[in-house]
Amino acid sequence: MQNYKALKAASKVFVRKQAVDNIEELQVVKKCYNSDTGEAADDSVKSYTLSEVKREIDQCKSEVIKQQSSQGEWEALETDLKAL
């Protein structure tokens, strides 16, 4: 979830377990506000499973590895060009 740490620090988001149709859900509740008036609006609730969160973490790690590889390629090119 994007900006989770900052939102949590500002008390704009929290997590909870909630029973929905007799099934426990893991939820992230985000406080919402009307952008025109600043008044509180209905909270946004998003349900997650731990496997979904793990999949997102794995995807982020994969992207980091790809970016590091790309960075290495560009650094090698830069080194060769500077050597000319």
Protein backbone atom coordinates (compact mmCIF):
# COMPACT_ATOMS: atom_id res chain seq x y z
CA MET A 1 0.00 0.00 0.00
CA GLN A 2 1.48 3.27 -1.10
CA ASN A 3 2.32 5.79 1.68
CA TYR A 4 1.21 3.38 4.41
CA LYS A 5 3.98 4.39 6.83
CA ALA A 6 3.27 8.12 6.49
CA LEU A 7 -0.49 7.63 6.75
CA LYS A 8 -0.07 5.43 9.82
CA ALA A 9 2.23 7.98 11.47
CA ALA A 10 -0.39 10.68 10.83
CA SER A 11 -3.16 8.45 12.23
CA LYS A 12 -4.94 8.48 8.87
CA VAL A 13 -4.92 4.69 8.46
CA PHE A 14 -5.18 1.66 10.73
CA VAL A 15 -5.51 -2.11 10.41
CA ARG A 16 -8.08 -4.37 11.99
CA LYS A 17 -9.62 -7.82 11.94
CA GLN A 18 -13.30 -7.64 11.13
CA ALA A 19 -15.93 -10.38 11.02
CA VAL A 20 -17.81 -10.19 7.71
CA ASP A 21 -20.47 -12.86 7.14
CA ASN A 22 -18.88 -14.90 9.95
CA ILE A 23 -15.49 -14.81 8.20
CA GLU A 24 -12.58 -12.87 9.67
CA GLU A 25 -11.10 -10.32 7.27
CA LEU A 26 -7.87 -8.37 7.59
CA GLN A 27 -8.69 -4.79 6.70
CA VAL A 28 -6.95 -1.48 6.18
CA VAL A 29 -9.17 1.46 7.08
CA LYS A 30 -8.22 4.83 5.63
CA LYS A 31 -9.80 8.07 6.80
CA CYS A 32 -11.27 10.11 3.94
CA TYR A 33 -12.13 13.78 3.71
CA ASN A 34 -14.10 15.98 1.34
CA SER A 35 -11.43 17.90 -0.58
CA ASP A 36 -13.65 20.97 -0.97
CA THR A 37 -14.79 21.35 2.64
CA GLY A 38 -12.25 19.31 4.61
CA GLU A 39 -15.10 17.52 6.38
CA ALA A 40 -14.73 13.86 7.24
CA ALA A 41 -16.25 11.46 4.72
CA ASP A 42 -16.91 7.72 4.98
CA ASP A 43 -13.76 5.73 5.67
CA SER A 44 -12.28 3.65 2.87
CA VAL A 45 -11.99 -0.04 3.79
CA LYS A 46 -9.80 -2.46 1.82
CA SER A 47 -9.57 -6.15 2.68
CA TYR A 48 -6.32 -8.07 2.28
CA THR A 49 -5.10 -11.60 2.75
CA LEU A 50 -1.59 -12.30 3.94
CA SER A 51 -0.88 -14.10 0.65
CA GLU A 52 -1.84 -10.94 -1.30
CA VAL A 53 0.50 -8.86 0.84
CA LYS A 54 3.31 -11.41 0.41
CA ARG A 55 2.77 -11.39 -3.38
CA GLU A 56 3.07 -7.58 -3.43
CA ILE A 57 6.25 -7.73 -1.36
CA ASP A 58 7.73 -10.34 -3.72
CA GLN A 59 6.80 -8.18 -6.73
CA CYS A 60 8.52 -5.16 -5.17
CA LYS A 61 11.65 -7.21 -4.49
CA SER A 62 11.64 -8.44 -8.09
CA GLU A 63 11.40 -4.88 -9.38
CA VAL A 64 14.31 -3.83 -7.16
CA ILE A 65 16.47 -6.63 -8.60
CA LYS A 66 15.57 -5.58 -12.17
CA GLN A 67 16.38 -1.94 -11.41
CA GLN A 68 19.71 -2.87 -9.83
CA SER A 69 20.60 -4.90 -12.91
CA SER A 70 19.68 -2.01 -15.18
CA GLN A 71 21.69 0.37 -13.02
CA GLY A 72 24.72 -1.92 -13.30
CA GLU A 73 24.41 -1.94 -17.10
CA TRP A 74 24.26 1.88 -17.24
CA GLU A 75 27.20 2.22 -14.84
CA ALA A 76 29.29 -0.14 -16.99
CA LEU A 77 28.47 1.96 -20.08
CA GLU A 78 29.32 5.15 -18.20
CA THR A 79 32.70 3.70 -17.14
CA ASP A 80 33.53 2.70 -20.71
CA LEU A 81 32.50 6.08 -22.11
CA LYS A 82 34.58 7.95 -19.53
CA ALA A 83 37.58 5.81 -20.46
CA LEU A 84 37.55 7.15 -24.05
